Protein backbone atom coordinates (compact mmCIF):
# COMPACT_ATOMS: atom_id res chain seq x y z
CA UNK A 1 -40.04 27.28 -8.48
CA UNK A 2 -39.22 28.52 -5.07
CA UNK A 3 -35.75 28.10 -3.57
CA UNK A 4 -34.84 25.36 -1.27
CA UNK A 5 -34.83 26.67 2.39
CA UNK A 6 -33.94 25.49 5.87
CA UNK A 7 -37.61 24.52 6.63
CA UNK A 8 -37.76 22.21 3.48
CA UNK A 9 -35.18 19.82 5.10
CA UNK A 10 -37.88 17.38 6.44
CA UNK A 11 -39.69 17.12 3.18
CA UNK A 12 -36.63 16.87 1.02
CA UNK A 13 -35.84 13.68 -1.24
CA UNK A 14 -32.37 13.35 -0.30
CA UNK A 15 -29.89 14.79 2.40
CA UNK A 16 -26.32 14.27 3.21
CA UNK A 17 -25.33 14.67 6.90
CA UNK A 18 -21.74 14.78 8.10
CA UNK A 19 -20.21 14.33 11.51
CA UNK A 20 -16.82 14.92 12.68
CA UNK A 21 -14.36 12.96 14.85
CA UNK A 22 -14.82 15.06 18.06
CA UNK A 23 -18.49 14.59 17.92
CA UNK A 24 -18.65 10.91 18.06
CA UNK A 25 -15.34 9.55 19.54
CA UNK A 26 -13.94 9.13 23.14
CA UNK A 27 -16.43 10.41 25.64
CA UNK A 28 -18.63 11.75 22.81
CA UNK A 29 -19.20 8.28 21.52
CA UNK A 30 -22.64 8.24 23.09
CA UNK A 31 -23.74 10.83 20.56
CA UNK A 32 -23.91 8.26 17.90
CA UNK A 33 -27.26 7.21 19.26
CA UNK A 34 -28.49 10.74 19.06
CA UNK A 35 -27.41 10.97 15.33
CA UNK A 36 -29.04 7.56 14.52
CA UNK A 37 -32.25 8.55 16.20
CA UNK A 38 -32.60 11.71 14.02
CA UNK A 39 -31.50 9.89 10.88
CA UNK A 40 -34.15 7.16 11.66
CA UNK A 41 -36.90 9.74 11.95
CA UNK A 42 -35.89 11.27 8.64
CA UNK A 43 -35.70 7.79 7.12
CA UNK A 44 -39.24 7.23 8.52
CA UNK A 45 -40.55 10.31 6.48
CA UNK A 46 -39.24 8.91 3.46
CA UNK A 47 -36.05 11.05 3.05
CA UNK A 48 -33.01 9.35 1.73
CA UNK A 49 -30.15 10.01 3.96
CA UNK A 50 -26.27 9.54 3.26
CA UNK A 51 -24.13 9.82 6.41
CA UNK A 52 -20.43 11.03 5.97
CA UNK A 53 -18.66 10.14 9.27
CA UNK A 54 -15.20 10.98 10.33
CA UNK A 55 -13.78 9.09 13.44
CA UNK A 56 -12.05 6.06 12.25
CA UNK A 57 -8.52 7.06 13.59
CA UNK A 58 -9.85 8.59 16.61
CA UNK A 59 -11.94 5.55 17.68
CA UNK A 60 -9.01 3.32 17.17
CA UNK A 61 -6.73 5.24 19.64
CA UNK A 62 -7.88 3.74 22.86
CA UNK A 63 -7.95 0.32 21.36
CA UNK A 64 -4.27 0.41 20.27
CA UNK A 65 -3.10 2.18 23.33
CA UNK A 66 -1.50 4.99 21.26
CA UNK A 67 -1.85 7.80 23.78
CA UNK A 68 -3.08 10.24 20.98
CA UNK A 69 -3.38 10.79 17.41
CA UNK A 70 -0.50 9.04 15.50
CA UNK A 71 1.75 11.19 13.45
CA UNK A 72 3.34 8.67 10.96
CA UNK A 73 1.41 7.48 8.10
CA UNK A 74 1.55 3.88 8.49
CA UNK A 75 0.29 4.04 11.92
CA UNK A 76 -2.60 6.24 10.85
CA UNK A 77 -3.55 3.77 7.97
CA UNK A 78 -3.46 0.95 10.55
CA UNK A 79 -5.43 2.94 13.05
CA UNK A 80 -7.95 3.74 10.28
CA UNK A 81 -8.35 -0.03 9.56
CA UNK A 82 -9.09 -0.73 13.15
CA UNK A 83 -11.25 2.04 13.96
CA UNK A 84 -13.30 2.03 10.83
CA UNK A 85 -14.38 -1.47 11.79
CA UNK A 86 -15.32 -0.42 15.42
CA UNK A 87 -17.17 2.57 14.18
CA UNK A 88 -19.21 0.77 11.73
CA UNK A 89 -20.06 -1.74 14.42
CA UNK A 90 -21.33 1.22 16.78
CA UNK A 91 -23.40 2.53 14.10
CA UNK A 92 -24.92 -0.68 13.23
CA UNK A 93 -25.62 -1.57 16.77
CA UNK A 94 -27.50 1.65 17.10
CA UNK A 95 -29.35 1.34 13.81
CA UNK A 96 -30.70 -2.17 14.95
CA UNK A 97 -33.04 -0.43 17.16
CA UNK A 98 -34.90 0.94 13.98
CA UNK A 99 -34.37 -2.20 11.72
CA UNK A 100 -32.17 0.08 9.57
CA UNK A 101 -29.16 -1.56 7.79
CA UNK A 102 -25.99 0.37 7.11
CA UNK A 103 -23.65 -0.11 4.17
CA UNK A 104 -20.09 1.02 4.30
CA UNK A 105 -18.70 3.25 1.45
CA UNK A 106 -14.97 4.14 1.56
CA UNK A 107 -13.73 6.57 -1.12
CA UNK A 108 -10.40 8.21 -2.02
CA UNK A 109 -9.97 11.32 -4.03
CA UNK A 110 -9.20 9.47 -7.15
CA UNK A 111 -12.57 7.91 -6.93
CA UNK A 112 -14.35 11.07 -7.37
CA UNK A 113 -11.77 12.43 -9.84
CA UNK A 114 -11.93 9.81 -12.38
CA UNK A 115 -15.07 9.18 -14.36
CA UNK A 116 -15.25 5.19 -14.10
CA UNK A 117 -14.82 4.83 -10.34
CA UNK A 118 -17.07 8.13 -9.89
CA UNK A 119 -19.75 6.33 -11.82
CA UNK A 120 -19.41 3.25 -9.82
CA UNK A 121 -19.59 5.10 -6.48
CA UNK A 122 -22.81 6.86 -7.74
CA UNK A 123 -24.33 3.56 -8.83
CA UNK A 124 -23.43 1.84 -5.62
CA UNK A 125 -25.00 4.55 -3.56
CA UNK A 126 -28.07 4.79 -5.69
CA UNK A 127 -28.55 1.23 -5.31
CA UNK A 128 -28.09 1.27 -1.54
CA UNK A 129 -30.54 4.08 -1.17
CA UNK A 130 -32.80 2.22 -3.41
CA UNK A 131 -32.69 -0.69 -1.10
CA UNK A 132 -33.45 1.50 1.92
CA UNK A 133 -29.97 1.02 3.37
CA UNK A 134 -28.08 3.91 4.97
CA UNK A 135 -24.79 4.58 3.28
CA UNK A 136 -22.01 5.49 5.71
CA UNK A 137 -19.23 7.15 3.93
CA UNK A 138 -15.56 7.99 4.92
CA UNK A 139 -12.24 8.58 3.16
CA UNK A 140 -10.60 5.43 2.79
CA UNK A 141 -7.65 6.20 5.02
CA UNK A 142 -6.08 2.79 5.07
CA UNK A 143 -4.89 3.34 1.43
CA UNK A 144 -4.85 7.19 1.05
CA UNK A 145 -1.70 8.97 1.00
CA UNK A 146 -0.61 12.36 2.10
CA UNK A 147 -0.07 13.65 -1.59
CA UNK A 148 -3.68 13.10 -2.87
CA UNK A 149 -6.52 13.55 -0.32
CA UNK A 150 -9.98 15.30 -0.02
CA UNK A 151 -8.40 17.52 2.59
CA UNK A 152 -11.15 17.13 5.06
CA UNK A 153 -14.53 15.34 5.45
CA UNK A 154 -16.51 18.55 4.93
CA UNK A 155 -15.19 18.61 1.35
CA UNK A 156 -15.93 15.04 0.97
CA UNK A 157 -19.49 15.54 2.22
CA UNK A 158 -19.84 18.34 -0.43
CA UNK A 159 -18.70 16.15 -3.18
CA UNK A 160 -20.87 13.25 -2.26
CA UNK A 161 -23.87 15.63 -1.97
CA UNK A 162 -23.04 16.76 -5.58
CA UNK A 163 -22.55 13.10 -6.65
CA UNK A 164 -26.09 11.85 -5.39
CA UNK A 165 -27.78 15.05 -6.24
CA UNK A 166 -28.83 15.81 -2.57
CA UNK A 167 -31.27 18.60 -1.79
CA UNK A 168 -29.36 19.48 1.28
CA UNK A 169 -26.15 19.16 3.29
CA UNK A 170 -25.91 19.02 7.06
CA UNK A 171 -22.56 19.75 8.58
CA UNK A 172 -22.55 18.85 12.18
CA UNK A 173 -20.04 20.83 14.27
CA UNK A 174 -19.37 21.39 17.99
CA UNK A 175 -21.15 24.69 18.10
CA UNK A 176 -24.76 25.75 17.14
CA UNK A 177 -23.76 28.21 14.13
CA UNK A 178 -21.01 29.95 12.62
CA UNK A 179 -19.86 33.32 13.85
CA UNK A 180 -18.27 36.42 12.33
CA UNK A 181 -14.98 35.58 14.20
CA UNK A 182 -14.00 32.86 16.62
CA UNK A 183 -17.11 32.76 19.10
CA UNK A 184 -14.64 33.18 22.14
CA UNK A 185 -13.48 36.55 20.98
CA UNK A 186 -15.21 39.93 21.93
CA UNK A 187 -17.77 41.19 19.21
CA UNK A 188 -18.39 37.73 17.68
CA UNK A 189 -21.78 37.75 16.26
CA UNK A 190 -23.80 34.56 15.00
CA UNK A 191 -24.47 34.05 11.43
CA UNK A 192 -27.85 32.80 10.72
CA UNK A 193 -28.14 32.99 6.92
CA UNK A 194 -25.76 33.45 4.03
CA UNK A 195 -27.23 34.41 0.65
CA UNK A 196 -25.66 32.72 -2.42
CA UNK A 197 -23.04 35.02 -3.67
CA UNK A 198 -22.22 36.72 -0.36
CA UNK A 199 -18.42 37.17 -0.17
CA UNK A 200 -18.53 36.99 3.70
CA UNK A 201 -15.84 39.83 3.51
CA UNK A 202 -14.36 40.79 6.91
CA UNK A 203 -15.63 37.58 8.74
CA UNK A 204 -12.75 35.75 10.45
CA UNK A 205 -13.26 31.99 10.13
CA UNK A 206 -9.62 31.19 10.78
CA UNK A 207 -7.53 28.43 9.49
CA UNK A 208 -8.04 24.68 9.82
CA UNK A 209 -8.32 23.81 13.58
CA UNK A 210 -6.58 20.60 14.56
CA UNK A 211 -7.31 18.80 17.89
CA UNK A 212 -6.23 15.57 19.37
CA UNK A 213 -8.72 13.48 17.40
CA UNK A 214 -9.35 15.10 14.02
CA UNK A 215 -9.15 18.08 11.74
CA UNK A 216 -11.73 20.71 10.66
CA UNK A 217 -13.16 23.94 11.82
CA UNK A 218 -15.31 26.77 10.71
CA UNK A 219 -13.14 27.41 7.55
CA UNK A 220 -13.51 24.06 6.08
CA UNK A 221 -17.24 24.24 6.68
CA UNK A 222 -17.59 27.48 4.70
CA UNK A 223 -15.43 26.01 1.93
CA UNK A 224 -17.69 23.00 1.65
CA UNK A 225 -20.70 25.02 1.72
CA UNK A 226 -19.46 27.23 -1.12
CA UNK A 227 -18.95 23.96 -3.05
CA UNK A 228 -22.39 22.62 -2.55
CA UNK A 229 -24.32 25.63 -2.82
CA UNK A 230 -22.90 26.34 -6.21
CA UNK A 231 -24.64 23.19 -7.37
CA UNK A 232 -27.91 24.19 -5.86
CA UNK A 233 -27.59 22.20 -2.53
CA UNK A 234 -28.75 24.16 0.53
CA UNK A 235 -26.23 23.74 3.43
CA UNK A 236 -26.83 23.88 7.23
CA UNK A 237 -23.96 24.22 9.70
CA UNK A 238 -24.85 23.41 13.24
CA UNK A 239 -24.17 21.37 16.50
CA UNK A 240 -24.32 17.52 16.51
CA UNK A 241 -26.50 17.79 19.63
CA UNK A 242 -29.04 19.63 17.48
CA UNK A 243 -29.11 17.02 14.69
CA UNK A 244 -32.93 16.04 15.12
CA UNK A 245 -33.96 19.91 14.88
CA UNK A 246 -31.71 20.25 11.91
CA UNK A 247 -33.40 17.53 10.12
CA UNK A 248 -36.67 18.58 11.34
CA UNK A 249 -36.12 22.05 9.55
CA UNK A 250 -36.02 24.18 12.75
CA UNK A 251 -34.73 27.74 12.54
CA UNK A 252 -31.19 26.85 13.90
CA UNK A 253 -27.66 26.94 12.85
CA UNK A 254 -26.20 28.98 9.86
CA UNK A 255 -27.93 28.24 6.47
CA UNK A 256 -26.12 28.71 3.18
CA UNK A 257 -28.80 29.16 0.57
CA UNK A 258 -28.27 27.49 -2.80
CA UNK A 259 -27.38 28.73 -6.13
CA UNK A 260 -30.83 29.68 -7.76
CA UNK A 261 -29.46 28.90 -11.11
CA UNK A 262 -26.90 25.99 -10.32
CA UNK A 263 -24.18 25.02 -12.86
CA UNK A 264 -23.15 21.46 -13.38
CA UNK A 265 -20.66 20.17 -10.56
CA UNK A 266 -17.06 20.99 -11.41
CA UNK A 267 -14.58 18.30 -12.02
CA UNK A 268 -13.11 17.07 -8.43
CA UNK A 269 -9.48 17.06 -8.83
CA UNK A 270 -7.08 15.77 -6.13
CA UNK A 271 -6.32 17.65 -3.08
CA UNK A 272 -2.61 17.94 -2.45
CA UNK A 273 -1.21 18.57 1.03
CA UNK A 274 2.22 19.53 2.17
CA UNK A 275 2.33 17.35 5.34
CA UNK A 276 2.07 13.78 6.20
CA UNK A 277 -0.77 14.30 8.46
CA UNK A 278 -3.89 12.53 7.36
CA UNK A 279 -6.76 15.08 7.33
CA UNK A 280 -9.96 13.55 7.06
CA UNK A 281 -9.84 10.81 9.89
């Protein structure tokens, strides 16, 4: 059996797509239509798609007149409750054009750590997919605490891909591909393919980048790619603007080749963070 490759994405059985806050909130909210159009095309080809979408807190900021991302946990939780509602409305309004129904799935780290809720989550998503419904997944920020979190939605997307046995994971970013160092620095070179097992020694992906609406960055995507590829899931990192080309199997972005001999997914324990800032928005 040949290994799953980037060009196999359009004919894959099941794909997880993850998009971050900065790609779909504020002035970028129009990009929801772009993402929905690409997912609808994949849906039409028969591919089962799960969308992991950040953006709840960021979406709520203008509605609550907060002026910026809140720092205290209670306001973050309240903003997540408001923003998740608006975010789902925006997705469903866009999906209506294609007669596709969305289903909201909110998870905490404990849901994927403990066998019973993990099994329940898998069963629910399997049934949604069987009904040709688009599951839209986010961390349940309204009840999550700073002590136990996924850490970021790139990791959540990798765990969801493992949970449902996806063929591929597409991590949408603000840039077309990953680079050997921050792309604004001299000597930065694009990384087009990472063979499974490459240690990427000498590459500078940096620490988590925090902006006014969310968290993330190249480092979290590399970490998530490592997690998913270990289970035999191919991972593509590329720009949200190129989502249709990504799901069409074009030669774009950074491709992390899957483990040719995947092991069973590791147990997913809680992620403990040292600050009160909520990470997965």
